[in-house]
């Protein structure tokens, strides 16, 4: 009986101080929206970190414009372009073959009777 009085004592005091319940309502709303704001900030910050928004940008080194792999790729592209080997030789033959019709694709082959 004593524990019942101690647990309902706060409710009775709240009823006497705020009979309409506006204080409890405002506190509840502020807690819910505060938690939502914290979750929004957490997810926004973690998304920005994981997407690389806060990465440091590499400063270019003065005097060095491209590395050897870039130079080799440019030289190979120029060689292929100037030698005329940039495109494959096409035969010019169309290889599209008609498919066999089935009851799934051609409605005239279904077993269902139609009224005409």
C-alpha atoms as a PDB file:
ATOM      1  CA  UNK A   1       0.000   0.000   0.000  1.00  0.00           C
ATOM      2  CA  UNK A   2       2.900   2.291   0.755  1.00  0.00           C
ATOM      3  CA  UNK A   3       4.421   1.831  -2.709  1.00  0.00           C
ATOM      4  CA  UNK A   4       1.094   2.677  -4.319  1.00  0.00           C
ATOM      5  CA  UNK A   5       0.979   5.963  -2.433  1.00  0.00           C
ATOM      6  CA  UNK A   6       4.550   6.814  -3.387  1.00  0.00           C
ATOM      7  CA  UNK A   7       3.944   6.067  -7.063  1.00  0.00           C
ATOM      8  CA  UNK A   8       0.688   8.030  -7.237  1.00  0.00           C
ATOM      9  CA  UNK A   9       1.962  10.897  -5.083  1.00  0.00           C
ATOM     10  CA  UNK A  10       3.655  12.573  -8.045  1.00  0.00           C
ATOM     11  CA  UNK A  11       0.513  12.257 -10.168  1.00  0.00           C
ATOM     12  CA  UNK A  12      -1.611  13.809  -7.422  1.00  0.00           C
ATOM     13  CA  UNK A  13       0.842  16.674  -7.024  1.00  0.00           C
ATOM     14  CA  UNK A  14       0.932  17.220 -10.803  1.00  0.00           C
ATOM     15  CA  UNK A  15      -2.890  17.233 -10.866  1.00  0.00           C
ATOM     16  CA  UNK A  16      -3.022  19.877  -8.171  1.00  0.00           C
ATOM     17  CA  UNK A  17      -0.378  22.097  -9.815  1.00  0.00           C
ATOM     18  CA  UNK A  18      -1.471  21.685 -13.451  1.00  0.00           C
ATOM     19  CA  UNK A  19      -5.060  20.433 -13.729  1.00  0.00           C
ATOM     20  CA  UNK A  20      -5.210  20.595 -17.556  1.00  0.00           C
ATOM     21  CA  UNK A  21      -1.874  18.862 -18.181  1.00  0.00           C
ATOM     22  CA  UNK A  22      -0.243  21.578 -20.300  1.00  0.00           C
ATOM     23  CA  UNK A  23       3.120  21.304 -18.542  1.00  0.00           C
ATOM     24  CA  UNK A  24       3.404  17.571 -19.085  1.00  0.00           C
ATOM     25  CA  UNK A  25       2.282  17.956 -22.696  1.00  0.00           C
ATOM     26  CA  UNK A  26       4.865  20.661 -23.455  1.00  0.00           C
ATOM     27  CA  UNK A  27       7.660  18.723 -21.766  1.00  0.00           C
ATOM     28  CA  UNK A  28       6.752  15.582 -23.733  1.00  0.00           C
ATOM     29  CA  UNK A  29       6.680  17.449 -27.045  1.00  0.00           C
ATOM     30  CA  UNK A  30      10.015  19.123 -26.322  1.00  0.00           C
ATOM     31  CA  UNK A  31      11.620  15.759 -25.471  1.00  0.00           C
ATOM     32  CA  UNK A  32      10.320  14.109 -28.647  1.00  0.00           C
ATOM     33  CA  UNK A  33      11.379  16.947 -30.956  1.00  0.00           C
ATOM     34  CA  UNK A  34      14.721  17.277 -29.163  1.00  0.00           C
ATOM     35  CA  UNK A  35      15.434  13.591 -29.774  1.00  0.00           C
ATOM     36  CA  UNK A  36      14.388  13.947 -33.409  1.00  0.00           C
ATOM     37  CA  UNK A  37      16.737  16.922 -33.789  1.00  0.00           C
ATOM     38  CA  UNK A  38      19.611  14.952 -32.261  1.00  0.00           C
ATOM     39  CA  UNK A  39      18.943  12.024 -34.595  1.00  0.00           C
ATOM     40  CA  UNK A  40      18.813  14.352 -37.599  1.00  0.00           C
ATOM     41  CA  UNK A  41      22.144  15.938 -36.647  1.00  0.00           C
ATOM     42  CA  UNK A  42      23.734  12.536 -36.026  1.00  0.00           C
ATOM     43  CA  UNK A  43      22.606  11.076 -39.359  1.00  0.00           C
ATOM     44  CA  UNK A  44      23.517  14.210 -41.301  1.00  0.00           C
ATOM     45  CA  UNK A  45      26.983  14.350 -39.786  1.00  0.00           C
ATOM     46  CA  UNK A  46      27.645  10.624 -40.251  1.00  0.00           C
ATOM     47  CA  UNK A  47      26.400  10.799 -43.856  1.00  0.00           C
ATOM     48  CA  UNK A  48      28.677  13.743 -44.591  1.00  0.00           C
ATOM     49  CA  UNK A  49      31.670  11.991 -43.033  1.00  0.00           C
ATOM     50  CA  UNK A  50      31.074   8.686 -44.833  1.00  0.00           C
ATOM     51  CA  UNK A  51      30.466  10.337 -48.213  1.00  0.00           C
ATOM     52  CA  UNK A  52      33.818  12.119 -48.045  1.00  0.00           C
ATOM     53  CA  UNK A  53      32.553  15.664 -47.684  1.00  0.00           C
ATOM     54  CA  UNK A  54      35.159  16.440 -45.023  1.00  0.00           C
ATOM     55  CA  UNK A  55      38.196  14.941 -46.776  1.00  0.00           C
ATOM     56  CA  UNK A  56      41.269  17.037 -47.186  1.00  0.00           C
ATOM     57  CA  UNK A  57      42.008  17.962 -50.750  1.00  0.00           C
ATOM     58  CA  UNK A  58      45.472  17.112 -52.001  1.00  0.00           C
ATOM     59  CA  UNK A  59      47.520  20.140 -52.871  1.00  0.00           C
ATOM     60  CA  UNK A  60      49.207  19.930 -56.276  1.00  0.00           C
ATOM     61  CA  UNK A  61      52.981  19.741 -56.183  1.00  0.00           C
ATOM     62  CA  UNK A  62      54.642  22.590 -58.040  1.00  0.00           C
ATOM     63  CA  UNK A  63      56.679  21.533 -61.037  1.00  0.00           C
ATOM     64  CA  UNK A  64      54.969  18.171 -61.484  1.00  0.00           C
ATOM     65  CA  UNK A  65      51.909  18.225 -63.727  1.00  0.00           C
ATOM     66  CA  UNK A  66      51.262  14.516 -64.414  1.00  0.00           C
ATOM     67  CA  UNK A  67      52.683  11.219 -63.259  1.00  0.00           C
ATOM     68  CA  UNK A  68      54.153   8.559 -65.521  1.00  0.00           C
ATOM     69  CA  UNK A  69      50.933   6.500 -65.735  1.00  0.00           C
ATOM     70  CA  UNK A  70      48.999   9.508 -66.997  1.00  0.00           C
ATOM     71  CA  UNK A  71      51.659  10.283 -69.557  1.00  0.00           C
ATOM     72  CA  UNK A  72      51.632   6.652 -70.758  1.00  0.00           C
ATOM     73  CA  UNK A  73      47.834   6.682 -71.117  1.00  0.00           C
ATOM     74  CA  UNK A  74      47.950   9.909 -73.127  1.00  0.00           C
ATOM     75  CA  UNK A  75      50.706   8.547 -75.382  1.00  0.00           C
ATOM     76  CA  UNK A  76      48.778   5.318 -75.997  1.00  0.00           C
ATOM     77  CA  UNK A  77      45.574   7.220 -76.809  1.00  0.00           C
ATOM     78  CA  UNK A  78      47.415   9.450 -79.282  1.00  0.00           C
ATOM     79  CA  UNK A  79      49.089   6.449 -80.904  1.00  0.00           C
ATOM     80  CA  UNK A  80      45.785   4.598 -81.354  1.00  0.00           C
ATOM     81  CA  UNK A  81      44.082   7.702 -82.712  1.00  0.00           C
ATOM     82  CA  UNK A  82      46.817   8.548 -85.217  1.00  0.00           C
ATOM     83  CA  UNK A  83      47.151   4.946 -86.439  1.00  0.00           C
ATOM     84  CA  UNK A  84      43.404   4.662 -86.998  1.00  0.00           C
ATOM     85  CA  UNK A  85      42.942   1.762 -84.595  1.00  0.00           C
ATOM     86  CA  UNK A  86      40.362   3.388 -82.389  1.00  0.00           C
ATOM     87  CA  UNK A  87      37.321   1.491 -83.715  1.00  0.00           C
ATOM     88  CA  UNK A  88      36.668  -2.171 -84.273  1.00  0.00           C
ATOM     89  CA  UNK A  89      36.045  -3.509 -87.727  1.00  0.00           C
ATOM     90  CA  UNK A  90      32.333  -4.244 -88.034  1.00  0.00           C
ATOM     91  CA  UNK A  91      31.016  -6.854 -90.445  1.00  0.00           C
ATOM     92  CA  UNK A  92      27.817  -4.953 -91.213  1.00  0.00           C
ATOM     93  CA  UNK A  93      25.681  -8.067 -90.745  1.00  0.00           C
ATOM     94  CA  UNK A  94      22.628  -7.777 -88.533  1.00  0.00           C
ATOM     95  CA  UNK A  95      22.445 -10.746 -86.182  1.00  0.00           C
ATOM     96  CA  UNK A  96      18.949 -10.266 -84.793  1.00  0.00           C
ATOM     97  CA  UNK A  97      17.011 -13.501 -85.056  1.00  0.00           C
ATOM     98  CA  UNK A  98      13.251 -13.765 -84.581  1.00  0.00           C
ATOM     99  CA  UNK A  99      12.158 -15.545 -81.444  1.00  0.00           C
ATOM    100  CA  UNK A 100       9.811 -18.484 -81.391  1.00  0.00           C
ATOM    101  CA  UNK A 101       6.391 -17.392 -80.254  1.00  0.00           C
ATOM    102  CA  UNK A 102       4.863 -18.995 -77.191  1.00  0.00           C
ATOM    103  CA  UNK A 103       1.613 -18.724 -75.305  1.00  0.00           C
ATOM    104  CA  UNK A 104       3.197 -16.158 -73.036  1.00  0.00           C
ATOM    105  CA  UNK A 105       4.154 -13.710 -75.774  1.00  0.00           C
ATOM    106  CA  UNK A 106       1.589 -14.339 -78.517  1.00  0.00           C
ATOM    107  CA  UNK A 107      -2.012 -14.189 -77.359  1.00  0.00           C
ATOM    108  CA  UNK A 108      -3.239 -16.127 -80.408  1.00  0.00           C
ATOM    109  CA  UNK A 109      -1.427 -19.232 -79.135  1.00  0.00           C
ATOM    110  CA  UNK A 110      -3.167 -19.346 -75.780  1.00  0.00           C
ATOM    111  CA  UNK A 111      -5.578 -22.165 -74.931  1.00  0.00           C
ATOM    112  CA  UNK A 112      -8.254 -19.780 -73.783  1.00  0.00           C
ATOM    113  CA  UNK A 113     -11.291 -19.483 -76.032  1.00  0.00           C
ATOM    114  CA  UNK A 114     -12.163 -16.011 -77.235  1.00  0.00           C
ATOM    115  CA  UNK A 115     -15.568 -14.892 -78.376  1.00  0.00           C
ATOM    116  CA  UNK A 116     -15.416 -13.357 -81.834  1.00  0.00           C
END
